[in-house]
Amino acid sequence: MKAKIFSVLFLLTLLLSPLACGFPFGTEFGSAPSQEKTATLTRLPEEGEEAHPPTLIATATEANTPTAALAPAPDLPVFISPEIVSIHMFSPDEGWALAEDLSRLLATQDGGATWLDVTPPDLLPLPPTVTSLGLRPFFLDSETAWFSPITVAADRLFYTEDGGATWMATDLPFARAGYFFLNSEDGFALEDLGAGAGSHYVALHRTTDGGESWTEVFSHEPGEPKSLPESGTKNGVTFISPDRGFIGGTIPMEDHFHFYVTDNGGATWAQETELRLPDAFSGSFLDAWQPLFIDDTTGFLPVRAVGSGGGNPLLIYLSEDAGETWDFQGSAPEGQDVDFIDAKRGWVAGNAGLFSTVDGGVIWEPVEISDIPTGEEFLKVDFVDADHGWLLACLDEGSSPSRKLYWTVDGGKTWTLLQP
C-alpha cells in the first residue's frame, strides 16, 4: 500500500492570505493508498489569529440530505496556462492539480501538458465578496476525490468517481473539514473548530459509506480536557487502518515534538514520546508534518526544525513498525515538499533547490538542474516512479505568471517546461 498523505492547516487565513509566490510551503491536498503513486507531503506555516473556543460541536449524522448528482458540463474545458498551486500525479499520464488560488480543480491525461477544468460547475462563478473557494481535495486515485470548500458551500461534501466528469454532493453535519480516506468507503474528516492564542480546536468524524453519513468520534469542548490537547496546531490526520492514525503539529516550545497517535479510530490519543532530536538541532521549534506511509508498516515523518541555526532544515524520521518507533535518518536544507517512491528513493524541494536520497533519507544530495533558470524557488516535487516527475517552481515576486510547472522523464537529468 503506497500512500500520498495530505497535511493541511485548517485556518482560513492561511489558505487565502496573499503571500510571496502564492503560498509558502505550497498548498497541499490529500491522497491515499494507490498501487501507482508515492507518498508526498507539503506543509503550510502557522499564523496566529484571535482565540475563540469551539462554538459548534457536531453530532453523529442522523439523516443526511440524499446525495444529489450535479450535472456535468457538456464538455470539460481545457484550462489555458493555469496558475497551479499544487499537483498530484498517479501515473506518468494521469493526475490532478489545484490552481487559481485554490478555486480551480484540474485533471490531466497527458502528464500535465494540458489540464481540464473539473471544478463542479455549481460552485462557479464566485460571489462578488469571495476571492477563493479554498479547495483542499483528498484524492484516492486518478478517478476518485472528495472535498468541501472553505468559503462557498462549506457544509457540503463533493465526490467524484470518474475523474471529475460528474460530481455527487451531500449535506454535512459539520463544515471547514479536511479529509483522509483509506478506500472508497472508510474515511475521516478533521473539522476545524477555531484557533488562536496557541490553541487549535478540532473534531474528528468517521464514515464507512464513502461520506454519505458521518459519526463524531472526537471533539474539543470548552473547559473539558482531552487526550488530544487544545494547544498547538493540528496539521492534518493520517490513518493506516480504521483504528490507527496520526496527527502532527507544532507548539511554541523548543525541542518539543507535537505528534499524537490513536489506536481506537480517533476516540483517544497519546503523544509520541520516543522521538529523539539530534544534538545538532537542539534549541529548535519543531513542526511535525503528517507521516508518509508507503506501505502498511514503512513510513517517513518529516519535521521542520525552525531556528536551529541551520537554515530551517527538514528532518526525516523512519518507521518500519507502523509508527510504533521512529528513527532519525538525516536532514535536507530548507525543504518545502518531500516525496518518496519507495523505502529508499525520495526527493526534497525548497528554497535551496532539489535534493534526492537513495538510502531512505540518510544522505541528501543536490540534484544538478541546468534546464530551469537560476533563482526559481521549488515549491512542489512529485514523482510517480524513478523516471517521471514534476517540479512546481515559483518566480520572483511580481512576475507574471508567478509559477511554472516542469516535467522530467529521465529521473531529473533534464526538465521540460509544461506550464505556462
Protein backbone atom coordinates (compact mmCIF):
# COMPACT_ATOMS: atom_id res chain seq x y z
CA MET A 1 0.00 0.00 0.00
CA LYS A 2 1.61 3.22 -1.15
CA ALA A 3 0.18 6.44 0.13
CA LYS A 4 0.39 10.11 -0.54
CA ILE A 5 -0.62 11.79 2.68
CA PHE A 6 -2.06 15.23 2.98
CA SER A 7 -1.13 17.79 5.50
CA VAL A 8 -3.20 20.92 5.87
CA LEU A 9 -3.67 23.59 8.49
CA PHE A 10 -7.33 24.43 8.75
CA LEU A 11 -7.02 28.15 9.36
CA LEU A 12 -8.84 30.04 6.63
CA THR A 13 -6.48 32.98 6.86
CA LEU A 14 -3.56 30.72 5.97
CA LEU A 15 -5.27 29.24 2.97
CA LEU A 16 -6.32 32.53 1.49
CA SER A 17 -3.68 35.06 2.56
CA PRO A 18 -1.80 36.54 -0.44
CA LEU A 19 1.91 35.92 0.15
CA ALA A 20 5.02 35.81 -1.99
CA CYS A 21 4.74 33.16 -4.70
CA GLY A 22 1.20 32.45 -3.51
CA PHE A 23 1.60 30.13 -0.53
CA PRO A 24 4.76 29.39 1.46
CA PHE A 25 5.40 25.65 1.69
CA GLY A 26 2.95 25.20 -1.18
CA THR A 27 -0.64 24.23 -0.52
CA GLU A 28 -1.20 20.58 -0.13
CA PHE A 29 -4.20 18.41 -0.66
CA GLY A 30 -4.51 14.79 0.22
CA SER A 31 -4.49 11.41 -1.38
CA ALA A 32 -4.35 7.87 -0.21
CA PRO A 33 -3.29 4.28 -0.94
CA SER A 34 -2.58 3.60 -4.61
CA GLN A 35 -0.53 0.99 -6.37
CA GLU A 36 0.59 3.68 -8.79
CA LYS A 37 1.56 6.57 -6.53
CA THR A 38 4.09 7.62 -3.97
CA ALA A 39 3.96 9.50 -0.72
CA THR A 40 4.14 13.27 -0.84
CA LEU A 41 3.66 15.98 1.71
CA THR A 42 3.66 19.75 1.87
CA ARG A 43 3.20 21.86 4.96
CA LEU A 44 1.67 25.30 5.47
CA PRO A 45 3.15 27.68 8.08
CA GLU A 46 1.23 28.60 11.20
CA GLU A 47 -0.07 32.08 11.88
CA GLY A 48 -1.99 33.37 14.90
CA GLU A 49 -5.49 34.71 14.90
CA GLU A 50 -7.87 35.83 17.63
CA ALA A 51 -8.58 32.99 20.03
CA HIS A 52 -12.09 31.65 20.29
CA PRO A 53 -13.33 28.36 21.71
CA PRO A 54 -15.43 25.99 19.64
CA THR A 55 -18.95 27.27 19.24
CA LEU A 56 -20.43 24.36 17.35
CA ILE A 57 -19.91 20.74 18.31
CA ALA A 58 -21.16 18.46 15.57
CA THR A 59 -23.01 15.28 16.50
CA ALA A 60 -23.47 11.99 14.74
CA THR A 61 -25.31 12.19 11.46
CA GLU A 62 -28.90 11.11 11.78
CA ALA A 63 -30.43 11.89 8.42
CA ASN A 64 -28.36 13.48 5.72
CA THR A 65 -29.93 15.10 2.73
CA PRO A 66 -29.93 12.45 -0.02
CA THR A 67 -26.92 12.69 -2.25
CA ALA A 68 -27.66 14.57 -5.46
CA ALA A 69 -25.80 14.30 -8.72
CA LEU A 70 -24.52 17.56 -10.18
CA ALA A 71 -24.96 17.96 -13.90
CA PRO A 72 -21.57 17.91 -15.64
CA ALA A 73 -20.50 20.48 -18.16
CA PRO A 74 -21.25 19.24 -21.71
CA ASP A 75 -17.52 19.18 -22.46
CA LEU A 76 -14.80 19.62 -19.89
CA PRO A 77 -12.92 22.74 -20.99
CA VAL A 78 -9.16 22.99 -21.27
CA PHE A 79 -7.78 25.49 -18.79
CA ILE A 80 -5.13 27.54 -20.56
CA SER A 81 -1.96 28.50 -18.63
CA PRO A 82 -3.25 27.76 -15.13
CA GLU A 83 -1.59 29.26 -12.05
CA ILE A 84 -1.02 25.87 -10.42
CA VAL A 85 -0.76 25.79 -6.62
CA SER A 86 -0.22 22.06 -6.14
CA ILE A 87 -0.05 18.90 -8.21
CA HIS A 88 -0.64 15.21 -7.57
CA MET A 89 0.03 12.61 -10.25
CA PHE A 90 -0.96 8.93 -10.10
CA SER A 91 0.79 7.78 -13.28
CA PRO A 92 3.02 9.30 -15.96
CA ASP A 93 -0.17 10.50 -17.67
CA GLU A 94 -2.99 10.92 -15.13
CA GLY A 95 -3.27 13.23 -12.16
CA TRP A 96 -4.79 16.29 -10.52
CA ALA A 97 -3.85 19.88 -9.75
CA LEU A 98 -5.16 22.86 -7.82
CA ALA A 99 -4.96 26.25 -9.49
CA GLU A 100 -6.09 29.88 -9.38
CA ASP A 101 -5.66 30.46 -5.63
CA LEU A 102 -7.43 27.21 -4.67
CA SER A 103 -10.51 27.94 -6.76
CA ARG A 104 -10.00 25.52 -9.66
CA LEU A 105 -9.66 21.76 -9.62
CA LEU A 106 -7.91 20.43 -12.72
CA ALA A 107 -7.22 16.98 -14.19
CA THR A 108 -4.74 15.83 -16.81
CA GLN A 109 -4.49 12.76 -19.00
CA ASP A 110 -1.26 13.67 -20.79
CA GLY A 111 1.22 14.22 -17.96
CA GLY A 112 0.33 17.87 -17.42
CA ALA A 113 0.75 19.17 -20.95
CA THR A 114 -2.96 20.10 -20.90
CA TRP A 115 -5.34 20.49 -17.97
CA LEU A 116 -9.11 20.00 -17.94
CA ASP A 117 -11.20 22.17 -15.63
CA VAL A 118 -13.18 19.69 -13.49
CA THR A 119 -14.38 22.18 -10.86
CA PRO A 120 -18.03 21.39 -10.03
CA PRO A 121 -20.00 23.90 -12.12
CA ASP A 122 -22.43 24.70 -9.27
CA LEU A 123 -19.58 26.40 -7.36
CA LEU A 124 -18.81 28.98 -10.05
CA PRO A 125 -18.78 31.86 -10.61
CA LEU A 126 -17.71 33.01 -7.15
CA PRO A 127 -19.89 35.52 -5.31
CA PRO A 128 -18.56 39.09 -5.53
CA THR A 129 -17.33 39.05 -1.91
CA VAL A 130 -15.48 35.71 -2.22
CA THR A 131 -11.95 35.54 -3.64
CA SER A 132 -11.30 31.80 -3.33
CA LEU A 133 -13.16 28.54 -2.81
CA GLY A 134 -10.37 27.32 -0.55
CA LEU A 135 -10.38 23.86 -2.17
CA ARG A 136 -8.49 21.08 -0.34
CA PRO A 137 -9.37 17.82 -2.11
CA PHE A 138 -8.46 14.33 -1.00
CA PHE A 139 -7.53 12.02 -3.88
CA LEU A 140 -7.88 8.27 -3.61
CA ASP A 141 -6.76 7.65 -7.19
CA SER A 142 -6.93 9.32 -10.59
CA GLU A 143 -10.72 8.87 -10.68
CA THR A 144 -11.86 9.35 -7.08
CA ALA A 145 -11.81 12.52 -4.98
CA TRP A 146 -13.64 14.26 -2.13
CA PHE A 147 -13.64 17.86 -0.93
CA SER A 148 -15.60 20.55 0.87
CA PRO A 149 -14.95 24.20 0.00
CA ILE A 150 -13.87 26.52 2.81
CA THR A 151 -15.95 29.51 1.71
CA VAL A 152 -18.91 28.72 -0.56
CA ALA A 153 -20.93 25.57 0.32
CA ALA A 154 -18.60 24.76 3.24
CA ASP A 155 -21.11 22.29 4.72
CA ARG A 156 -21.36 20.16 1.56
CA LEU A 157 -19.22 17.22 0.54
CA PHE A 158 -18.45 16.84 -3.17
CA TYR A 159 -17.42 13.43 -4.51
CA THR A 160 -16.40 12.11 -7.93
CA GLU A 161 -15.53 8.63 -9.14
CA ASP A 162 -14.96 9.46 -12.81
CA GLY A 163 -12.09 11.92 -12.64
CA GLY A 164 -14.33 14.97 -12.15
CA ALA A 165 -16.58 14.50 -15.19
CA THR A 166 -19.54 14.25 -12.80
CA TRP A 167 -19.90 15.11 -9.11
CA MET A 168 -22.17 13.97 -6.30
CA ALA A 169 -22.93 16.30 -3.40
CA THR A 170 -24.34 15.67 0.06
CA ASP A 171 -25.02 17.86 3.08
CA LEU A 172 -22.75 17.54 6.11
CA PRO A 173 -23.33 17.98 9.86
CA PHE A 174 -20.07 19.97 10.02
CA ALA A 175 -18.01 22.41 7.96
CA ARG A 176 -14.39 23.53 7.42
CA ALA A 177 -13.03 19.99 7.24
CA GLY A 178 -10.16 18.19 5.58
CA TYR A 179 -10.39 14.51 4.69
CA PHE A 180 -8.49 11.24 4.71
CA PHE A 181 -9.88 8.07 3.08
CA LEU A 182 -8.45 4.57 3.34
CA ASN A 183 -10.61 3.31 0.48
CA SER A 184 -13.84 4.25 -1.27
CA GLU A 185 -15.89 3.63 1.90
CA ASP A 186 -13.78 4.24 5.03
CA GLY A 187 -12.74 7.80 5.74
CA PHE A 188 -12.21 10.52 8.32
CA ALA A 189 -12.92 14.26 8.41
CA LEU A 190 -10.91 16.57 10.66
CA GLU A 191 -13.08 19.60 11.33
CA ASP A 192 -11.63 22.98 12.27
CA LEU A 193 -13.47 24.44 15.27
CA GLY A 194 -11.34 27.53 15.64
CA ALA A 195 -7.79 28.53 16.55
CA GLY A 196 -5.75 31.23 18.21
CA ALA A 197 -3.55 32.12 21.19
CA GLY A 198 -1.62 28.88 20.82
CA SER A 199 -4.67 26.61 20.65
CA HIS A 200 -6.40 24.82 17.79
CA TYR A 201 -9.78 23.16 18.40
CA VAL A 202 -10.84 20.25 16.19
CA ALA A 203 -13.41 17.49 15.87
CA LEU A 204 -12.93 14.14 14.13
CA HIS A 205 -15.73 12.43 12.20
CA ARG A 206 -15.77 8.98 10.61
CA THR A 207 -17.64 7.47 7.66
CA THR A 208 -18.00 3.88 6.50
CA ASP A 209 -20.13 4.60 3.43
CA GLY A 210 -17.96 6.92 1.38
CA GLY A 211 -19.19 10.10 3.04
CA GLU A 212 -22.97 9.59 2.91
CA SER A 213 -23.16 9.61 6.72
CA TRP A 214 -20.74 10.59 9.49
CA THR A 215 -20.28 9.83 13.19
CA GLU A 216 -18.36 12.12 15.51
CA VAL A 217 -15.62 10.19 17.32
CA PHE A 218 -13.75 13.07 18.99
CA SER A 219 -14.28 16.75 19.70
CA HIS A 220 -12.79 19.51 21.80
CA GLU A 221 -15.25 21.10 24.21
CA PRO A 222 -14.74 24.29 26.24
CA GLY A 223 -13.26 23.60 29.66
CA GLU A 224 -13.04 19.83 29.15
CA PRO A 225 -9.53 18.31 28.99
CA LYS A 226 -8.97 15.88 26.11
CA SER A 227 -6.34 13.30 25.21
CA LEU A 228 -5.55 15.37 22.11
CA PRO A 229 -4.77 18.76 23.68
CA GLU A 230 -6.25 22.02 22.50
CA SER A 231 -2.79 23.57 22.45
CA GLY A 232 -0.76 23.67 19.27
CA THR A 233 -1.68 23.45 15.60
CA LYS A 234 -3.06 20.28 14.03
CA ASN A 235 -1.64 19.87 10.53
CA GLY A 236 -3.98 17.10 9.39
CA VAL A 237 -4.91 13.50 10.05
CA THR A 238 -3.38 10.31 8.61
CA PHE A 239 -4.69 6.77 9.10
CA ILE A 240 -3.04 3.49 8.10
CA SER A 241 -6.00 1.37 9.27
CA PRO A 242 -9.52 2.10 10.56
CA ASP A 243 -8.07 2.19 14.08
CA ARG A 244 -4.53 3.54 13.84
CA GLY A 245 -3.94 7.16 12.91
CA PHE A 246 -1.65 10.15 13.47
CA ILE A 247 -1.88 13.93 13.91
CA GLY A 248 1.19 16.14 13.65
CA GLY A 249 1.59 19.77 14.54
CA THR A 250 3.61 22.37 16.35
CA ILE A 251 3.69 24.18 19.67
CA PRO A 252 5.82 27.19 20.73
CA MET A 253 8.18 25.14 22.88
CA GLU A 254 11.78 24.34 21.94
CA ASP A 255 12.75 20.73 21.21
CA HIS A 256 9.13 19.56 21.62
CA PHE A 257 7.53 17.05 19.24
CA HIS A 258 3.80 17.74 18.88
CA PHE A 259 2.86 14.35 17.41
CA TYR A 260 -0.05 12.13 18.52
CA VAL A 261 -1.29 8.61 17.73
CA THR A 262 -4.61 6.79 18.14
CA ASP A 263 -5.35 3.06 18.17
CA ASN A 264 -9.11 3.26 18.52
CA GLY A 265 -10.19 5.20 15.46
CA GLY A 266 -9.54 8.63 16.94
CA ALA A 267 -11.58 8.36 20.13
CA THR A 268 -8.48 8.87 22.29
CA TRP A 269 -4.93 10.00 21.53
CA ALA A 270 -1.47 9.56 23.05
CA GLN A 271 1.61 11.66 22.47
CA GLU A 272 4.58 10.01 20.79
CA THR A 273 7.36 10.46 23.35
CA GLU A 274 10.19 8.32 21.94
CA LEU A 275 11.23 10.63 19.11
CA ARG A 276 14.88 11.65 19.51
CA LEU A 277 16.20 15.04 18.43
CA PRO A 278 19.89 15.02 17.39
CA ASP A 279 22.07 17.41 19.40
CA ALA A 280 22.88 19.39 16.25
CA PHE A 281 19.28 20.62 16.11
CA SER A 282 18.69 21.37 19.79
CA GLY A 283 17.08 24.70 20.51
CA SER A 284 14.66 24.36 17.59
CA PHE A 285 10.94 24.82 17.39
CA LEU A 286 9.73 21.58 15.80
CA ASP A 287 6.87 21.34 13.33
CA ALA A 288 5.82 17.72 12.84
CA TRP A 289 4.21 17.17 9.46
CA GLN A 290 1.95 14.24 8.66
CA PRO A 291 3.71 10.85 8.31
CA LEU A 292 4.11 9.44 4.79
CA PHE A 293 3.42 5.70 4.72
CA ILE A 294 4.50 3.85 1.60
CA ASP A 295 3.09 0.52 2.81
CA ASP A 296 1.35 -0.89 5.88
CA THR A 297 4.41 -0.63 8.11
CA THR A 298 7.01 1.67 6.49
CA GLY A 299 6.62 5.40 6.82
CA PHE A 300 8.56 8.66 6.91
CA LEU A 301 7.93 11.54 9.33
CA PRO A 302 9.16 14.96 8.13
CA VAL A 303 9.81 17.50 10.90
CA ARG A 304 10.74 21.12 10.20
CA ALA A 305 13.35 22.44 12.67
CA VAL A 306 12.91 26.22 12.91
CA GLY A 307 15.54 28.44 14.48
CA SER A 308 18.23 25.80 14.84
CA GLY A 309 20.82 27.97 13.10
CA GLY A 310 20.98 25.66 10.10
CA GLY A 311 18.50 27.34 7.76
CA ASN A 312 15.30 25.61 8.89
CA PRO A 313 16.25 22.07 7.85
CA LEU A 314 13.72 19.32 7.21
CA LEU A 315 14.44 16.34 9.47
CA ILE A 316 13.44 12.89 8.21
CA TYR A 317 12.43 10.07 10.58
CA LEU A 318 11.76 6.46 9.51
CA SER A 319 9.38 3.89 10.99
CA GLU A 320 9.36 0.25 9.95
CA ASP A 321 6.78 -0.89 12.51
CA ALA A 322 3.64 1.09 11.60
CA GLY A 323 4.71 4.09 13.62
CA GLU A 324 5.48 2.36 16.90
CA THR A 325 9.04 3.73 16.77
CA TRP A 326 10.69 6.46 14.72
CA ASP A 327 14.44 6.69 13.99
CA PHE A 328 16.19 9.82 12.78
CA GLN A 329 17.62 9.37 9.28
CA GLY A 330 19.05 12.68 8.13
CA SER A 331 18.13 16.22 7.10
CA ALA A 332 17.70 18.27 3.94
CA PRO A 333 18.06 22.06 3.82
CA GLU A 334 15.04 24.36 3.53
CA GLY A 335 12.60 21.66 2.47
CA GLN A 336 9.10 22.78 1.47
CA ASP A 337 7.93 19.49 -0.02
CA VAL A 338 9.05 15.86 0.25
CA ASP A 339 8.26 12.85 -1.92
CA PHE A 340 9.20 9.15 -1.65
CA ILE A 341 8.51 6.47 -4.27
CA ASP A 342 9.75 3.59 -2.08
CA ALA A 343 11.64 2.95 1.15
CA LYS A 344 14.91 4.21 -0.32
CA ARG A 345 14.31 6.79 -3.03
CA GLY A 346 12.97 10.26 -2.33
CA TRP A 347 13.23 13.97 -3.11
CA VAL A 348 13.03 17.22 -1.16
CA ALA A 349 12.27 20.54 -2.88
CA GLY A 350 12.62 24.01 -1.43
CA ASN A 351 14.45 27.32 -1.35
CA ALA A 352 17.85 25.60 -1.54
CA GLY A 353 16.94 23.58 -4.66
CA LEU A 354 16.11 19.94 -5.30
CA PHE A 355 17.72 17.15 -3.28
CA SER A 356 17.46 13.38 -3.65
CA THR A 357 18.17 10.34 -1.49
CA VAL A 358 18.75 6.69 -2.36
CA ASP A 359 19.19 5.44 1.21
CA GLY A 360 15.89 6.31 2.86
CA GLY A 361 16.76 9.87 3.79
CA VAL A 362 20.13 9.42 5.49
CA ILE A 363 22.05 11.36 2.84
CA TRP A 364 20.51 14.06 0.64
CA GLU A 365 22.45 15.04 -2.47
CA PRO A 366 21.72 18.19 -4.53
CA VAL A 367 20.26 17.47 -7.96
CA GLU A 368 22.07 19.40 -10.68
CA ILE A 369 19.47 21.13 -12.86
CA SER A 370 20.54 23.03 -15.96
CA ASP A 371 17.15 23.32 -17.70
CA ILE A 372 15.50 25.55 -15.07
CA PRO A 373 16.64 29.19 -14.72
CA THR A 374 18.55 30.03 -11.57
CA GLY A 375 16.66 31.93 -8.91
CA GLU A 376 13.45 29.92 -9.16
CA GLU A 377 12.23 28.53 -5.84
CA PHE A 378 10.87 24.98 -5.84
CA LEU A 379 7.50 24.62 -4.11
CA LYS A 380 6.46 21.07 -5.03
CA VAL A 381 8.10 17.87 -6.18
CA ASP A 382 6.06 14.88 -7.35
CA PHE A 383 7.48 11.63 -8.76
CA VAL A 384 5.42 8.58 -9.75
CA ASP A 385 8.43 6.36 -10.46
CA ALA A 386 12.20 6.65 -10.82
CA ASP A 387 11.88 8.41 -14.20
CA HIS A 388 8.70 10.52 -14.28
CA GLY A 389 8.49 13.57 -12.04
CA TRP A 390 7.20 17.14 -11.82
CA LEU A 391 8.54 20.32 -10.20
CA LEU A 392 6.40 23.34 -9.37
CA ALA A 393 8.62 26.44 -9.31
CA CYS A 394 7.97 29.95 -8.06
CA LEU A 395 9.37 33.00 -9.80
CA ASP A 396 10.38 36.24 -8.13
CA GLU A 397 7.57 38.19 -6.53
CA GLY A 398 5.86 40.37 -9.08
CA SER A 399 6.49 38.08 -12.02
CA SER A 400 3.54 37.14 -14.19
CA PRO A 401 2.77 34.31 -14.24
CA SER A 402 4.39 33.57 -10.89
CA ARG A 403 4.52 29.74 -11.11
CA LYS A 404 5.92 27.28 -13.63
CA LEU A 405 5.47 23.53 -13.92
CA TYR A 406 8.36 21.36 -15.15
CA TRP A 407 8.41 17.70 -16.18
CA THR A 408 11.14 15.05 -16.37
CA VAL A 409 11.08 11.61 -17.97
CA ASP A 410 14.67 10.65 -17.12
CA GLY A 411 14.74 10.88 -13.35
CA GLY A 412 15.60 14.59 -13.25
CA LYS A 413 18.54 14.69 -15.66
CA THR A 414 16.55 17.01 -17.94
CA TRP A 415 13.41 19.07 -17.41
CA THR A 416 10.78 20.40 -19.83
CA LEU A 417 8.54 23.41 -19.17
CA LEU A 418 4.86 22.38 -19.27
CA GLN A 419 3.02 25.38 -17.81
CA PRO A 420 2.62 28.15 -18.55
